[in-house]
Amino acid sequence: MKYETGTTLTGSHGKFTLTDCEVIGIRESDGEETWLYTWSTDEDRRVLTTGRELSEAIADGAVLQHQ
């Protein structure tokens, strides 16, 4: 799923701000497109997650806030 840049993800691993998202050429087992999200931290570190990893983080209690 496409999210706007600036969206934040806050969870047990800290707070991340979305800087980019794109569909990559791999399909999920259910046939859905795979999204790759690029996040930045307050320390200007880059973190990459897939849509599946993002869903798992939200299921574990992380909060996604749209801008």
C-alpha atoms as a PDB file:
ATOM      1  CA  MET A   1       0.000   0.000   0.000  1.00  0.00           C
ATOM      2  CA  LYS A   2       1.283   3.435  -0.833  1.00  0.00           C
ATOM      3  CA  TYR A   3       1.681   5.882   2.051  1.00  0.00           C
ATOM      4  CA  GLU A   4       2.585   9.561   1.838  1.00  0.00           C
ATOM      5  CA  THR A   5       6.121  10.597   2.706  1.00  0.00           C
ATOM      6  CA  GLY A   6       6.233  12.026   6.210  1.00  0.00           C
ATOM      7  CA  THR A   7       4.038   9.235   7.612  1.00  0.00           C
ATOM      8  CA  THR A   8       5.427   8.096  10.957  1.00  0.00           C
ATOM      9  CA  LEU A   9       5.730   4.645  12.486  1.00  0.00           C
ATOM     10  CA  THR A  10       6.198   4.469  16.237  1.00  0.00           C
ATOM     11  CA  GLY A  11       6.808   1.228  18.073  1.00  0.00           C
ATOM     12  CA  SER A  12       9.106  -0.667  20.385  1.00  0.00           C
ATOM     13  CA  HIS A  13      12.080   0.006  18.078  1.00  0.00           C
ATOM     14  CA  GLY A  14      11.592   3.778  18.049  1.00  0.00           C
ATOM     15  CA  LYS A  15      10.079   6.365  15.739  1.00  0.00           C
ATOM     16  CA  PHE A  16      10.548   6.253  11.975  1.00  0.00           C
ATOM     17  CA  THR A  17       9.535   8.719   9.256  1.00  0.00           C
ATOM     18  CA  LEU A  18       8.688   7.484   5.770  1.00  0.00           C
ATOM     19  CA  THR A  19      10.925   8.986   3.095  1.00  0.00           C
ATOM     20  CA  ASP A  20      10.005   6.767   0.129  1.00  0.00           C
ATOM     21  CA  CYS A  21       7.890   3.791  -0.903  1.00  0.00           C
ATOM     22  CA  GLU A  22       7.824   1.806  -4.111  1.00  0.00           C
ATOM     23  CA  VAL A  23       6.527  -1.409  -5.599  1.00  0.00           C
ATOM     24  CA  ILE A  24       9.297  -3.910  -6.232  1.00  0.00           C
ATOM     25  CA  GLY A  25       9.114  -6.692  -8.813  1.00  0.00           C
ATOM     26  CA  ILE A  26       8.391  -9.498  -6.350  1.00  0.00           C
ATOM     27  CA  ARG A  27       4.863 -10.808  -5.740  1.00  0.00           C
ATOM     28  CA  GLU A  28       3.698 -11.963  -2.316  1.00  0.00           C
ATOM     29  CA  SER A  29       2.477 -15.556  -1.966  1.00  0.00           C
ATOM     30  CA  ASP A  30      -1.110 -14.292  -2.181  1.00  0.00           C
ATOM     31  CA  GLY A  31      -0.375 -12.536  -5.494  1.00  0.00           C
ATOM     32  CA  GLU A  32      -0.299  -9.009  -4.043  1.00  0.00           C
ATOM     33  CA  GLU A  33       2.391  -6.526  -5.028  1.00  0.00           C
ATOM     34  CA  THR A  34       5.344  -6.167  -2.678  1.00  0.00           C
ATOM     35  CA  TRP A  35       5.991  -2.670  -1.370  1.00  0.00           C
ATOM     36  CA  LEU A  36       9.386  -1.531  -0.113  1.00  0.00           C
ATOM     37  CA  TYR A  37       9.379   1.321   2.416  1.00  0.00           C
ATOM     38  CA  THR A  38      12.361   3.524   3.256  1.00  0.00           C
ATOM     39  CA  TRP A  39      12.268   5.083   6.714  1.00  0.00           C
ATOM     40  CA  SER A  40      14.582   7.516   8.490  1.00  0.00           C
ATOM     41  CA  THR A  41      15.246   7.814  12.194  1.00  0.00           C
ATOM     42  CA  ASP A  42      15.985  10.883  14.300  1.00  0.00           C
ATOM     43  CA  GLU A  43      19.669   9.886  13.996  1.00  0.00           C
ATOM     44  CA  ASP A  44      19.313  10.067  10.163  1.00  0.00           C
ATOM     45  CA  ARG A  45      19.726   6.292   9.862  1.00  0.00           C
ATOM     46  CA  ARG A  46      17.892   4.588   6.957  1.00  0.00           C
ATOM     47  CA  VAL A  47      15.724   1.516   7.551  1.00  0.00           C
ATOM     48  CA  LEU A  48      14.059  -0.595   4.840  1.00  0.00           C
ATOM     49  CA  THR A  49      10.941  -2.713   5.379  1.00  0.00           C
ATOM     50  CA  THR A  50       8.601  -4.631   3.136  1.00  0.00           C
ATOM     51  CA  GLY A  51       4.841  -4.338   3.346  1.00  0.00           C
ATOM     52  CA  ARG A  52       4.725  -7.674   5.155  1.00  0.00           C
ATOM     53  CA  GLU A  53       7.233  -6.481   7.759  1.00  0.00           C
ATOM     54  CA  LEU A  54       5.249  -3.276   8.204  1.00  0.00           C
ATOM     55  CA  SER A  55       2.041  -5.280   8.749  1.00  0.00           C
ATOM     56  CA  GLU A  56       3.810  -7.450  11.329  1.00  0.00           C
ATOM     57  CA  ALA A  57       5.101  -4.387  13.192  1.00  0.00           C
ATOM     58  CA  ILE A  58       1.566  -2.919  13.319  1.00  0.00           C
ATOM     59  CA  ALA A  59       0.191  -6.260  14.524  1.00  0.00           C
ATOM     60  CA  ASP A  60       2.801  -6.150  17.316  1.00  0.00           C
ATOM     61  CA  GLY A  61       1.515  -2.746  18.456  1.00  0.00           C
ATOM     62  CA  ALA A  62       3.380  -0.193  16.327  1.00  0.00           C
ATOM     63  CA  VAL A  63       1.312   2.854  15.372  1.00  0.00           C
ATOM     64  CA  LEU A  64       1.245   4.261  11.840  1.00  0.00           C
ATOM     65  CA  GLN A  65       0.256   7.935  11.649  1.00  0.00           C
ATOM     66  CA  HIS A  66      -0.504   9.505   8.277  1.00  0.00           C
ATOM     67  CA  GLN A  67       0.463  13.103   7.636  1.00  0.00           C
END
